[in-house]
C-alpha atoms as a PDB file:
ATOM      1  CA  MET A   1    -117.832-189.685 237.550  1.00  0.00           C
ATOM      2  CA  PRO A   2    -120.846-187.479 238.351  1.00  0.00           C
ATOM      3  CA  THR A   3    -120.715-183.996 236.938  1.00  0.00           C
ATOM      4  CA  ARG A   4    -121.323-181.004 239.125  1.00  0.00           C
ATOM      5  CA  MET A   5    -124.137-178.742 238.037  1.00  0.00           C
ATOM      6  CA  ALA A   6    -123.151-175.224 237.069  1.00  0.00           C
ATOM      7  CA  ARG A   7    -123.835-172.727 239.816  1.00  0.00           C
ATOM      8  CA  PRO A   8    -126.823-170.635 238.773  1.00  0.00           C
ATOM      9  CA  GLY A   9    -126.551-166.881 238.558  1.00  0.00           C
ATOM     10  CA  PHE A  10    -129.244-164.516 239.713  1.00  0.00           C
ATOM     11  CA  ASP A  11    -130.133-161.034 238.624  1.00  0.00           C
ATOM     12  CA  LYS A  12    -128.785-158.729 241.336  1.00  0.00           C
ATOM     13  CA  PRO A  13    -131.389-155.961 240.970  1.00  0.00           C
ATOM     14  CA  ALA A  14    -134.315-158.401 240.844  1.00  0.00           C
ATOM     15  CA  GLY A  15    -137.119-157.904 243.343  1.00  0.00           C
ATOM     16  CA  PRO A  16    -138.233-160.511 245.900  1.00  0.00           C
ATOM     17  CA  LEU A  17    -140.953-161.980 243.674  1.00  0.00           C
ATOM     18  CA  ARG A  18    -138.685-162.229 240.643  1.00  0.00           C
ATOM     19  CA  ARG A  19    -135.926-163.812 242.719  1.00  0.00           C
ATOM     20  CA  ALA A  20    -138.455-166.354 244.036  1.00  0.00           C
ATOM     21  CA  PHE A  21    -139.193-167.440 240.466  1.00  0.00           C
ATOM     22  CA  GLN A  22    -135.474-167.622 239.780  1.00  0.00           C
ATOM     23  CA  TYR A  23    -134.961-169.917 242.764  1.00  0.00           C
ATOM     24  CA  ALA A  24    -137.853-172.070 241.558  1.00  0.00           C
ATOM     25  CA  ARG A  25    -136.248-172.264 238.129  1.00  0.00           C
ATOM     26  CA  TYR A  26    -133.007-173.592 239.629  1.00  0.00           C
ATOM     27  CA  GLY A  27    -134.761-175.816 242.166  1.00  0.00           C
ATOM     28  CA  ARG A  28    -132.769-178.871 241.056  1.00  0.00           C
ATOM     29  CA  TYR A  29    -129.489-177.296 242.154  1.00  0.00           C
ATOM     30  CA  ASP A  30    -127.934-178.919 245.227  1.00  0.00           C
ATOM     31  CA  TRP A  31    -127.040-175.949 247.432  1.00  0.00           C
ATOM     32  CA  ILE A  32    -125.466-178.269 250.014  1.00  0.00           C
ATOM     33  CA  ARG A  33    -122.565-178.768 247.585  1.00  0.00           C
ATOM     34  CA  GLU A  34    -121.456-175.212 248.383  1.00  0.00           C
ATOM     35  CA  MET A  35    -120.701-176.242 251.996  1.00  0.00           C
ATOM     36  CA  PRO A  36    -117.380-177.639 253.216  1.00  0.00           C
ATOM     37  CA  ARG A  37    -117.338-181.438 253.289  1.00  0.00           C
ATOM     38  CA  SER A  38    -117.708-181.788 257.077  1.00  0.00           C
ATOM     39  CA  LYS A  39    -120.737-179.484 257.181  1.00  0.00           C
ATOM     40  CA  ARG A  40    -122.225-181.231 254.170  1.00  0.00           C
ATOM     41  CA  VAL A  41    -122.006-184.627 255.898  1.00  0.00           C
ATOM     42  CA  ILE A  42    -123.633-183.322 259.088  1.00  0.00           C
ATOM     43  CA  THR A  43    -126.400-181.655 257.074  1.00  0.00           C
ATOM     44  CA  TRP A  44    -127.181-184.901 255.289  1.00  0.00           C
ATOM     45  CA  ILE A  45    -127.288-186.707 258.650  1.00  0.00           C
ATOM     46  CA  GLY A  46    -129.900-184.198 259.785  1.00  0.00           C
ATOM     47  CA  ILE A  47    -131.913-184.717 256.599  1.00  0.00           C
ATOM     48  CA  LEU A  48    -131.767-188.514 257.020  1.00  0.00           C
ATOM     49  CA  LEU A  49    -132.880-188.231 260.662  1.00  0.00           C
ATOM     50  CA  GLN A  50    -135.890-186.212 259.562  1.00  0.00           C
ATOM     51  CA  GLY A  51    -136.687-188.814 256.912  1.00  0.00           C
ATOM     52  CA  TYR A  52    -136.312-191.571 259.502  1.00  0.00           C
ATOM     53  CA  ALA A  53    -138.721-189.778 261.813  1.00  0.00           C
ATOM     54  CA  ILE A  54    -141.319-189.518 259.039  1.00  0.00           C
ATOM     55  CA  TYR A  55    -140.818-193.213 258.235  1.00  0.00           C
ATOM     56  CA  GLY A  56    -141.286-194.209 261.883  1.00  0.00           C
ATOM     57  CA  LEU A  57    -144.500-192.225 262.093  1.00  0.00           C
ATOM     58  CA  TRP A  58    -145.817-193.813 258.895  1.00  0.00           C
ATOM     59  CA  ALA A  59    -144.824-197.383 259.885  1.00  0.00           C
ATOM     60  CA  ARG A  60    -145.870-196.915 263.546  1.00  0.00           C
ATOM     61  CA  SER A  61    -142.473-198.405 264.417  1.00  0.00           C
ATOM     62  CA  LEU A  62    -138.816-197.463 264.400  1.00  0.00           C
ATOM     63  CA  VAL A  63    -137.570-201.033 263.804  1.00  0.00           C
ATOM     64  CA  TRP A  64    -140.223-202.484 261.488  1.00  0.00           C
ATOM     65  CA  PRO A  65    -141.318-205.295 261.165  1.00  0.00           C
ATOM     66  CA  LEU A  66    -141.092-205.238 264.946  1.00  0.00           C
ATOM     67  CA  ILE A  67    -143.636-202.909 266.472  1.00  0.00           C
ATOM     68  CA  TRP A  68    -141.388-200.873 268.773  1.00  0.00           C
ATOM     69  CA  PRO A  69    -141.801-198.681 270.722  1.00  0.00           C
ATOM     70  CA  HIS A  70    -145.485-198.679 271.584  1.00  0.00           C
ATOM     71  CA  GLY A  71    -148.057-195.941 272.130  1.00  0.00           C
ATOM     72  CA  ILE A  72    -146.934-192.560 273.369  1.00  0.00           C
ATOM     73  CA  PHE A  73    -143.292-193.654 273.475  1.00  0.00           C
ATOM     74  CA  LEU A  74    -143.272-193.934 269.662  1.00  0.00           C
ATOM     75  CA  TYR A  75    -144.471-190.368 269.194  1.00  0.00           C
ATOM     76  CA  VAL A  76    -141.947-189.057 271.755  1.00  0.00           C
ATOM     77  CA  ALA A  77    -139.083-190.913 270.006  1.00  0.00           C
ATOM     78  CA  VAL A  78    -140.192-189.665 266.565  1.00  0.00           C
ATOM     79  CA  TRP A  79    -140.443-186.107 267.884  1.00  0.00           C
ATOM     80  CA  LEU A  80    -136.962-186.293 269.439  1.00  0.00           C
ATOM     81  CA  ILE A  81    -135.431-187.697 266.243  1.00  0.00           C
ATOM     82  CA  TRP A  82    -137.111-184.962 264.196  1.00  0.00           C
ATOM     83  CA  ILE A  83    -135.874-182.251 266.569  1.00  0.00           C
ATOM     84  CA  VAL A  84    -132.288-183.562 266.490  1.00  0.00           C
ATOM     85  CA  GLY A  85    -132.312-183.671 262.682  1.00  0.00           C
ATOM     86  CA  THR A  86    -133.799-180.182 262.449  1.00  0.00           C
ATOM     87  CA  ARG A  87    -131.261-178.738 264.897  1.00  0.00           C
ATOM     88  CA  LEU A  88    -128.388-180.260 262.960  1.00  0.00           C
ATOM     89  CA  ILE A  89    -129.638-178.724 259.711  1.00  0.00           C
ATOM     90  CA  TYR A  90    -130.290-175.329 261.333  1.00  0.00           C
ATOM     91  CA  ALA A  91    -126.839-175.317 262.929  1.00  0.00           C
ATOM     92  CA  MET A  92    -125.062-176.067 259.660  1.00  0.00           C
ATOM     93  CA  LEU A  93    -127.150-173.567 257.673  1.00  0.00           C
ATOM     94  CA  THR A  94    -126.524-170.885 260.290  1.00  0.00           C
ATOM     95  CA  SER A  95    -122.806-171.596 260.226  1.00  0.00           C
ATOM     96  CA  GLU A  96    -122.829-171.424 256.435  1.00  0.00           C
ATOM     97  CA  PHE A  97    -124.813-168.180 256.522  1.00  0.00           C
ATOM     98  CA  VAL A  98    -122.243-166.616 258.864  1.00  0.00           C
ATOM     99  CA  ARG A  99    -119.412-167.795 256.612  1.00  0.00           C
ATOM    100  CA  LYS A 100    -121.071-166.401 253.489  1.00  0.00           C
ATOM    101  CA  THR A 101    -121.813-163.118 255.279  1.00  0.00           C
ATOM    102  CA  GLN A 102    -118.177-162.753 256.289  1.00  0.00           C
ATOM    103  CA  LEU A 103    -117.105-163.595 252.740  1.00  0.00           C
ATOM    104  CA  GLU A 104    -119.489-160.987 251.350  1.00  0.00           C
ATOM    105  CA  ALA A 105    -118.103-158.377 253.752  1.00  0.00           C
ATOM    106  CA  ASP A 106    -114.582-159.269 252.603  1.00  0.00           C
ATOM    107  CA  GLN A 107    -115.659-158.904 248.979  1.00  0.00           C
ATOM    108  CA  ILE A 108    -117.154-155.475 249.643  1.00  0.00           C
ATOM    109  CA  ALA A 109    -113.935-154.384 251.351  1.00  0.00           C
ATOM    110  CA  ALA A 110    -111.922-155.804 248.453  1.00  0.00           C
ATOM    111  CA  ARG A 111    -114.047-153.865 245.979  1.00  0.00           C
ATOM    112  CA  GLN A 112    -113.468-150.644 247.894  1.00  0.00           C
ATOM    113  CA  ILE A 113    -109.729-151.304 247.869  1.00  0.00           C
ATOM    114  CA  GLN A 114    -109.820-152.137 244.158  1.00  0.00           C
ATOM    115  CA  GLN A 115    -111.623-148.880 243.434  1.00  0.00           C
ATOM    116  CA  THR A 116    -108.891-146.937 245.210  1.00  0.00           C
ATOM    117  CA  LEU A 117    -106.262-148.706 243.099  1.00  0.00           C
ATOM    118  CA  GLN A 118    -107.915-147.646 239.861  1.00  0.00           C
ATOM    119  CA  PRO A 119    -107.213-144.186 238.472  1.00  0.00           C
ATOM    120  CA  GLY A 120    -109.834-141.823 239.814  1.00  0.00           C
ATOM    121  CA  LYS A 121    -109.877-138.345 238.396  1.00  0.00           C
ATOM    122  CA  LEU A 122    -107.582-138.393 235.394  1.00  0.00           C
ATOM    123  CA  GLU A 123    -105.210-135.518 234.797  1.00  0.00           C
ATOM    124  CA  GLU A 124    -105.982-133.425 231.766  1.00  0.00           C
ATOM    125  CA  LEU A 125    -103.799-134.121 228.751  1.00  0.00           C
ATOM    126  CA  PRO A 126    -103.317-131.032 226.564  1.00  0.00           C
ATOM    127  CA  GLY A 127    -104.870-131.711 223.189  1.00  0.00           C
ATOM    128  CA  TYR A 128    -106.516-134.962 224.309  1.00  0.00           C
ATOM    129  CA  GLN A 129    -109.629-136.135 226.114  1.00  0.00           C
ATOM    130  CA  VAL A 130    -109.557-139.384 228.117  1.00  0.00           C
ATOM    131  CA  GLU A 131    -112.704-141.172 229.342  1.00  0.00           C
ATOM    132  CA  THR A 132    -112.945-144.456 231.227  1.00  0.00           C
ATOM    133  CA  PHE A 133    -115.675-146.907 232.205  1.00  0.00           C
ATOM    134  CA  TYR A 134    -115.338-149.933 234.465  1.00  0.00           C
ATOM    135  CA  LYS A 135    -118.112-152.325 235.518  1.00  0.00           C
ATOM    136  CA  PRO A 136    -117.132-155.544 237.329  1.00  0.00           C
ATOM    137  CA  PHE A 137    -119.423-158.531 236.874  1.00  0.00           C
ATOM    138  CA  ARG A 138    -119.081-159.459 240.558  1.00  0.00           C
ATOM    139  CA  GLU A 139    -118.101-157.475 243.626  1.00  0.00           C
ATOM    140  CA  VAL A 140    -114.514-157.451 242.393  1.00  0.00           C
ATOM    141  CA  GLY A 141    -113.234-157.935 238.888  1.00  0.00           C
ATOM    142  CA  GLY A 142    -110.210-159.158 236.986  1.00  0.00           C
ATOM    143  CA  ASP A 143    -109.924-156.202 234.622  1.00  0.00           C
ATOM    144  CA  TYR A 144    -107.230-153.581 235.032  1.00  0.00           C
ATOM    145  CA  PHE A 145    -106.641-150.265 233.317  1.00  0.00           C
ATOM    146  CA  ASP A 146    -104.331-147.359 233.977  1.00  0.00           C
ATOM    147  CA  VAL A 147    -103.259-143.988 232.605  1.00  0.00           C
ATOM    148  CA  ILE A 148     -99.746-142.970 233.652  1.00  0.00           C
ATOM    149  CA  GLU A 149     -97.976-139.707 232.859  1.00  0.00           C
ATOM    150  CA  LEU A 150     -94.415-140.170 231.582  1.00  0.00           C
ATOM    151  CA  ALA A 151     -91.545-137.819 230.928  1.00  0.00           C
ATOM    152  CA  GLY A 152     -91.089-136.192 227.549  1.00  0.00           C
ATOM    153  CA  GLU A 153     -94.763-135.416 226.790  1.00  0.00           C
ATOM    154  CA  ARG A 154     -95.676-139.083 226.784  1.00  0.00           C
ATOM    155  CA  THR A 155     -98.521-141.050 228.355  1.00  0.00           C
ATOM    156  CA  LEU A 156     -98.788-144.778 229.068  1.00  0.00           C
ATOM    157  CA  PHE A 157    -102.172-146.444 228.564  1.00  0.00           C
ATOM    158  CA  ALA A 158    -102.445-149.956 229.996  1.00  0.00           C
ATOM    159  CA  ILE A 159    -105.321-152.405 230.013  1.00  0.00           C
ATOM    160  CA  ALA A 160    -105.404-156.068 231.069  1.00  0.00           C
ATOM    161  CA  ASP A 161    -107.915-158.866 231.443  1.00  0.00           C
ATOM    162  CA  VAL A 162    -107.081-161.677 233.872  1.00  0.00           C
ATOM    163  CA  SER A 163    -108.430-165.165 233.261  1.00  0.00           C
ATOM    164  CA  GLY A 164    -111.290-166.114 235.568  1.00  0.00           C
ATOM    165  CA  LYS A 165    -113.486-163.958 237.750  1.00  0.00           C
ATOM    166  CA  GLY A 166    -113.909-162.915 241.356  1.00  0.00           C
ATOM    167  CA  MET A 167    -111.291-162.635 244.067  1.00  0.00           C
ATOM    168  CA  PRO A 168    -108.460-164.692 242.441  1.00  0.00           C
ATOM    169  CA  ALA A 169    -108.676-162.621 239.256  1.00  0.00           C
ATOM    170  CA  ALA A 170    -108.812-159.380 241.259  1.00  0.00           C
ATOM    171  CA  LEU A 171    -105.667-160.306 243.199  1.00  0.00           C
ATOM    172  CA  LEU A 172    -103.766-161.016 239.994  1.00  0.00           C
ATOM    173  CA  ALA A 173    -105.051-157.774 238.451  1.00  0.00           C
ATOM    174  CA  ALA A 174    -103.771-155.863 241.489  1.00  0.00           C
ATOM    175  CA  ASN A 175    -100.418-157.602 241.069  1.00  0.00           C
ATOM    176  CA  ILE A 176    -100.231-156.491 237.427  1.00  0.00           C
ATOM    177  CA  GLN A 177    -101.102-152.940 238.434  1.00  0.00           C
ATOM    178  CA  ALA A 178     -98.294-152.899 240.990  1.00  0.00           C
ATOM    179  CA  LEU A 179     -95.843-154.196 238.382  1.00  0.00           C
ATOM    180  CA  VAL A 180     -96.904-151.582 235.833  1.00  0.00           C
ATOM    181  CA  ARG A 181     -96.753-148.753 238.355  1.00  0.00           C
ATOM    182  CA  SER A 182     -93.344-149.780 239.674  1.00  0.00           C
ATOM    183  CA  SER A 183     -91.856-150.202 236.202  1.00  0.00           C
ATOM    184  CA  ALA A 184     -93.528-147.356 234.308  1.00  0.00           C
ATOM    185  CA  ASN A 185     -90.911-144.751 235.164  1.00  0.00           C
ATOM    186  CA  SER A 186     -87.844-146.911 234.599  1.00  0.00           C
ATOM    187  CA  GLU A 187     -89.256-149.110 231.811  1.00  0.00           C
ATOM    188  CA  ALA A 188     -91.475-146.759 229.812  1.00  0.00           C
ATOM    189  CA  ASP A 189     -90.897-148.941 226.748  1.00  0.00           C
ATOM    190  CA  PRO A 190     -94.002-151.146 226.201  1.00  0.00           C
ATOM    191  CA  LEU A 191     -91.837-154.005 224.947  1.00  0.00           C
ATOM    192  CA  ALA A 192     -89.672-154.070 228.085  1.00  0.00           C
ATOM    193  CA  LEU A 193     -92.781-153.723 230.228  1.00  0.00           C
ATOM    194  CA  ALA A 194     -94.515-156.696 228.602  1.00  0.00           C
ATOM    195  CA  ARG A 195     -91.414-158.875 228.892  1.00  0.00           C
ATOM    196  CA  GLN A 196     -90.879-158.052 232.554  1.00  0.00           C
ATOM    197  CA  ILE A 197     -94.496-158.658 233.578  1.00  0.00           C
ATOM    198  CA  ASN A 198     -94.630-161.901 231.574  1.00  0.00           C
ATOM    199  CA  ARG A 199     -91.532-163.252 233.352  1.00  0.00           C
ATOM    200  CA  HIS A 200     -92.948-162.297 236.741  1.00  0.00           C
ATOM    201  CA  LEU A 201     -96.362-163.877 236.138  1.00  0.00           C
ATOM    202  CA  SER A 202     -94.828-167.028 234.641  1.00  0.00           C
ATOM    203  CA  ARG A 203     -92.687-167.489 237.736  1.00  0.00           C
ATOM    204  CA  TYR A 204     -95.043-166.479 240.553  1.00  0.00           C
ATOM    205  CA  THR A 205     -98.584-167.370 239.434  1.00  0.00           C
ATOM    206  CA  PRO A 206    -100.335-170.751 239.000  1.00  0.00           C
ATOM    207  CA  SER A 207    -100.035-172.353 235.586  1.00  0.00           C
ATOM    208  CA  ASP A 208    -103.761-171.973 234.907  1.00  0.00           C
ATOM    209  CA  ARG A 209    -103.672-168.200 235.442  1.00  0.00           C
ATOM    210  CA  PHE A 210    -102.734-165.745 232.732  1.00  0.00           C
ATOM    211  CA  ALA A 211    -103.686-162.303 231.488  1.00  0.00           C
ATOM    212  CA  THR A 212    -104.127-160.577 228.163  1.00  0.00           C
ATOM    213  CA  ALA A 213    -102.884-156.994 228.071  1.00  0.00           C
ATOM    214  CA  VAL A 214    -102.088-153.983 225.912  1.00  0.00           C
ATOM    215  CA  PHE A 215     -99.441-151.383 226.697  1.00  0.00           C
ATOM    216  CA  ILE A 216     -99.461-148.209 224.603  1.00  0.00           C
ATOM    217  CA  VAL A 217     -97.182-145.195 224.923  1.00  0.00           C
ATOM    218  CA  LEU A 218     -98.602-142.068 223.294  1.00  0.00           C
ATOM    219  CA  ASN A 219     -96.342-139.276 222.137  1.00  0.00           C
ATOM    220  CA  ARG A 220     -98.707-136.357 222.665  1.00  0.00           C
ATOM    221  CA  ASP A 221     -96.783-134.035 220.345  1.00  0.00           C
ATOM    222  CA  SER A 222     -96.912-136.244 217.274  1.00  0.00           C
ATOM    223  CA  GLY A 223     -99.770-138.619 218.127  1.00  0.00           C
ATOM    224  CA  GLU A 224     -97.480-141.616 217.567  1.00  0.00           C
ATOM    225  CA  LEU A 225     -98.498-144.802 219.364  1.00  0.00           C
ATOM    226  CA  THR A 226     -95.929-147.408 220.359  1.00  0.00           C
ATOM    227  CA  TYR A 227     -97.710-150.540 221.514  1.00  0.00           C
ATOM    228  CA  VAL A 228     -97.438-154.186 222.500  1.00  0.00           C
ATOM    229  CA  ASN A 229    -100.566-156.336 222.399  1.00  0.00           C
ATOM    230  CA  ALA A 230    -100.204-159.482 224.521  1.00  0.00           C
ATOM    231  CA  GLY A 231    -103.072-161.556 223.149  1.00  0.00           C
ATOM    232  CA  HIS A 232    -105.678-158.912 224.004  1.00  0.00           C
ATOM    233  CA  ASN A 233    -108.682-157.665 222.050  1.00  0.00           C
ATOM    234  CA  ALA A 234    -107.289-155.409 219.341  1.00  0.00           C
ATOM    235  CA  PRO A 235    -107.629-151.723 220.274  1.00  0.00           C
ATOM    236  CA  MET A 236    -109.114-149.525 217.560  1.00  0.00           C
ATOM    237  CA  VAL A 237    -107.685-146.335 216.116  1.00  0.00           C
ATOM    238  CA  CYS A 238    -110.257-144.382 214.128  1.00  0.00           C
ATOM    239  CA  GLY A 239    -109.646-141.201 212.231  1.00  0.00           C
ATOM    240  CA  SER A 240    -109.477-139.672 208.767  1.00  0.00           C
ATOM    241  CA  GLY A 241    -112.309-141.931 207.635  1.00  0.00           C
ATOM    242  CA  SER A 242    -110.480-145.177 208.409  1.00  0.00           C
ATOM    243  CA  ALA A 243    -110.194-147.633 211.283  1.00  0.00           C
ATOM    244  CA  ILE A 244    -107.074-149.574 212.247  1.00  0.00           C
ATOM    245  CA  ALA A 245    -106.970-152.551 214.643  1.00  0.00           C
ATOM    246  CA  LEU A 246    -103.855-152.899 216.799  1.00  0.00           C
ATOM    247  CA  GLU A 247    -103.625-156.667 216.496  1.00  0.00           C
ATOM    248  CA  ALA A 248    -101.797-158.990 218.891  1.00  0.00           C
ATOM    249  CA  THR A 249     -98.000-158.887 218.793  1.00  0.00           C
ATOM    250  CA  GLY A 250     -97.454-161.704 221.276  1.00  0.00           C
ATOM    251  CA  MET A 251     -99.186-164.295 223.429  1.00  0.00           C
ATOM    252  CA  PRO A 252    -100.955-163.627 226.771  1.00  0.00           C
ATOM    253  CA  LEU A 253     -98.826-162.840 229.803  1.00  0.00           C
ATOM    254  CA  GLY A 254     -97.894-165.610 232.216  1.00  0.00           C
ATOM    255  CA  LEU A 255     -97.933-168.611 229.899  1.00  0.00           C
ATOM    256  CA  PHE A 256     -94.240-168.964 228.993  1.00  0.00           C
ATOM    257  CA  PRO A 257     -91.347-167.050 230.590  1.00  0.00           C
ATOM    258  CA  ALA A 258     -89.478-166.746 227.285  1.00  0.00           C
ATOM    259  CA  ALA A 259     -92.479-165.698 225.199  1.00  0.00           C
ATOM    260  CA  ALA A 260     -91.596-163.346 222.337  1.00  0.00           C
ATOM    261  CA  TYR A 261     -93.240-159.946 221.947  1.00  0.00           C
ATOM    262  CA  GLU A 262     -92.986-157.286 219.272  1.00  0.00           C
ATOM    263  CA  ALA A 263     -93.442-153.542 219.555  1.00  0.00           C
ATOM    264  CA  ARG A 264     -95.226-151.780 216.717  1.00  0.00           C
ATOM    265  CA  THR A 265     -96.232-148.211 215.953  1.00  0.00           C
ATOM    266  CA  ALA A 266     -99.381-146.505 214.755  1.00  0.00           C
ATOM    267  CA  LEU A 267    -100.623-142.925 214.480  1.00  0.00           C
ATOM    268  CA  LEU A 268    -103.518-141.272 216.275  1.00  0.00           C
ATOM    269  CA  PRO A 269    -104.364-138.435 213.866  1.00  0.00           C
ATOM    270  CA  PRO A 270    -105.894-135.097 214.912  1.00  0.00           C
ATOM    271  CA  GLY A 271    -109.612-135.635 215.450  1.00  0.00           C
ATOM    272  CA  GLY A 272    -109.089-139.382 215.813  1.00  0.00           C
ATOM    273  CA  SER A 273    -109.973-141.761 218.646  1.00  0.00           C
ATOM    274  CA  LEU A 274    -108.218-144.645 220.357  1.00  0.00           C
ATOM    275  CA  LEU A 275    -110.396-147.304 221.971  1.00  0.00           C
ATOM    276  CA  LEU A 276    -109.076-149.919 224.404  1.00  0.00           C
ATOM    277  CA  PHE A 277    -111.511-152.447 225.849  1.00  0.00           C
ATOM    278  CA  THR A 278    -111.838-155.921 227.339  1.00  0.00           C
ATOM    279  CA  ASP A 279    -113.825-158.792 225.839  1.00  0.00           C
ATOM    280  CA  GLY A 280    -116.596-158.134 228.349  1.00  0.00           C
ATOM    281  CA  LEU A 281    -117.655-155.261 226.085  1.00  0.00           C
ATOM    282  CA  THR A 282    -117.847-157.171 222.811  1.00  0.00           C
ATOM    283  CA  ASP A 283    -119.402-160.239 224.464  1.00  0.00           C
ATOM    284  CA  SER A 284    -122.171-158.020 225.883  1.00  0.00           C
ATOM    285  CA  ILE A 285    -123.179-156.625 222.499  1.00  0.00           C
ATOM    286  CA  ALA A 286    -126.156-158.345 220.893  1.00  0.00           C
ATOM    287  CA  GLY A 287    -125.727-159.600 217.341  1.00  0.00           C
ATOM    288  CA  ASP A 288    -122.780-160.791 215.287  1.00  0.00           C
ATOM    289  CA  ASN A 289    -121.230-157.451 214.314  1.00  0.00           C
ATOM    290  CA  ALA A 290    -119.901-156.211 217.654  1.00  0.00           C
ATOM    291  CA  GLU A 291    -116.742-154.680 216.197  1.00  0.00           C
ATOM    292  CA  ASN A 292    -118.688-152.879 213.482  1.00  0.00           C
ATOM    293  CA  ARG A 293    -120.915-151.330 216.121  1.00  0.00           C
ATOM    294  CA  LEU A 294    -117.822-150.194 218.007  1.00  0.00           C
ATOM    295  CA  ARG A 295    -116.501-148.546 214.849  1.00  0.00           C
ATOM    296  CA  ASP A 296    -119.835-146.820 214.316  1.00  0.00           C
ATOM    297  CA  ALA A 297    -119.701-145.495 217.877  1.00  0.00           C
ATOM    298  CA  LEU A 298    -116.176-144.154 217.330  1.00  0.00           C
ATOM    299  CA  ALA A 299    -117.295-142.441 214.127  1.00  0.00           C
ATOM    300  CA  ASP A 300    -119.941-140.470 216.026  1.00  0.00           C
ATOM    301  CA  ARG A 301    -119.186-136.727 216.092  1.00  0.00           C
ATOM    302  CA  SER A 302    -121.773-135.643 218.635  1.00  0.00           C
ATOM    303  CA  GLY A 303    -119.380-135.980 221.587  1.00  0.00           C
ATOM    304  CA  ARG A 304    -121.429-138.849 223.048  1.00  0.00           C
ATOM    305  CA  THR A 305    -119.053-141.678 222.084  1.00  0.00           C
ATOM    306  CA  MET A 306    -118.641-143.040 225.612  1.00  0.00           C
ATOM    307  CA  SER A 307    -122.391-142.914 226.255  1.00  0.00           C
ATOM    308  CA  ILE A 308    -122.996-144.817 223.022  1.00  0.00           C
ATOM    309  CA  LEU A 309    -120.395-147.435 223.941  1.00  0.00           C
ATOM    310  CA  LYS A 310    -121.951-147.978 227.374  1.00  0.00           C
ATOM    311  CA  SER A 311    -125.409-148.271 225.843  1.00  0.00           C
ATOM    312  CA  LEU A 312    -124.174-151.189 223.730  1.00  0.00           C
ATOM    313  CA  VAL A 313    -123.794-153.352 226.860  1.00  0.00           C
ATOM    314  CA  ASP A 314    -126.846-155.627 226.965  1.00  0.00           C
ATOM    315  CA  PRO A 315    -127.519-156.963 230.505  1.00  0.00           C
ATOM    316  CA  LYS A 316    -128.865-160.201 229.017  1.00  0.00           C
ATOM    317  CA  PHE A 317    -125.452-160.978 227.504  1.00  0.00           C
ATOM    318  CA  ASN A 318    -123.237-159.381 230.146  1.00  0.00           C
ATOM    319  CA  GLU A 319    -121.385-162.186 231.940  1.00  0.00           C
ATOM    320  CA  ASP A 320    -117.956-160.613 232.382  1.00  0.00           C
ATOM    321  CA  ASP A 321    -116.205-157.464 233.573  1.00  0.00           C
ATOM    322  CA  VAL A 322    -116.526-154.537 231.176  1.00  0.00           C
ATOM    323  CA  THR A 323    -113.712-152.001 230.825  1.00  0.00           C
ATOM    324  CA  ILE A 324    -113.511-149.164 228.309  1.00  0.00           C
ATOM    325  CA  LEU A 325    -110.662-146.691 227.856  1.00  0.00           C
ATOM    326  CA  LEU A 326    -111.352-144.002 225.260  1.00  0.00           C
ATOM    327  CA  VAL A 327    -108.759-141.456 224.112  1.00  0.00           C
ATOM    328  CA  LYS A 328    -109.740-138.647 221.734  1.00  0.00           C
ATOM    329  CA  ARG A 329    -107.278-136.347 220.056  1.00  0.00           C
ATOM    330  CA  GLN A 330    -108.582-132.879 219.349  1.00  0.00           C
ATOM    331  CA  ALA A 331    -108.674-131.773 215.748  1.00  0.00           C
ATOM    332  CA  ASP A 332    -106.394-128.845 216.623  1.00  0.00           C
ATOM    333  CA  ALA A 333    -104.213-130.974 218.917  1.00  0.00           C
ATOM    334  CA  ALA A 334    -100.941-129.747 217.453  1.00  0.00           C
ATOM    335  CA  GLN A 335    -101.834-126.117 218.005  1.00  0.00           C
ATOM    336  CA  SER A 336    -103.142-126.700 221.540  1.00  0.00           C
ATOM    337  CA  VAL A 337    -100.024-128.618 222.572  1.00  0.00           C
ATOM    338  CA  THR A 338     -97.772-125.924 221.139  1.00  0.00           C
ATOM    339  CA  SER A 339     -99.666-123.133 222.875  1.00  0.00           C
ATOM    340  CA  SER A 340     -99.636-124.950 226.231  1.00  0.00           C
ATOM    341  CA  SER A 341     -95.873-125.381 226.044  1.00  0.00           C
END
């Protein structure tokens, strides 16, 4: 069974000349494969008609070894065959161009909608500083993050990474966001939240779709973190000269309806930092010590931690959505919280 060549990717900000070299590099790729089957068949008919016209002109006949037609009639027939083949190709390419243009417009609209679904300006948390960064690999992405205020001086931090890319992943990410938002008030417990979303995704999503996620509830008074890690990259808690990884406490969401999850606790000390991220960040860091470089960035005391984290993303290795959620607890967090209350 013939294997389909991987669809090449092109550098979005590349100029016309650079893109021309990129197209030349991937010249062996069959772009007709991107068309629907009916259009692909018609396009190949047009290509064969053009080839037949060239053959007739070379052989001085359309039915060799018979010499037919003769004289000017041969050139008229060849010209007509060439024109028909060309028109068929132009018609299919134009139709495909219109379809791709409409799809691109839909993707732009979807990205605008996705941006409105993400938390914009975050509310200030007394004693804490929250910074976020989100960069989709395509027009829309499959990463999701949220910061939700809860009762009792608590805050829910959620982050998820849906399998795949593009529109299907973005739709599932929006579904997870809706589930988190609708359940955050009634089910503020990360364990109940993970179980509920896992059951929903297992029942209503295709079997090849799943998501890794982390749900963390922060008690702002004490700095206690209650978390569930559903197969996601381990968030990092740095402070007091040490770094703790919040390892997975269950499998990714959407694989098995009865999957078991465990809630654990950790402490975000005064002056410490909590880092949540998707694998797009670590995969974009050059070298073999991505997590060590993240720890070094968290240990920075210049106030430029987020800038340092973003600078670690190498465009040459970036092939996925990148999401960063950084929470810093002030060194005098206990005093600031007490004074604000």
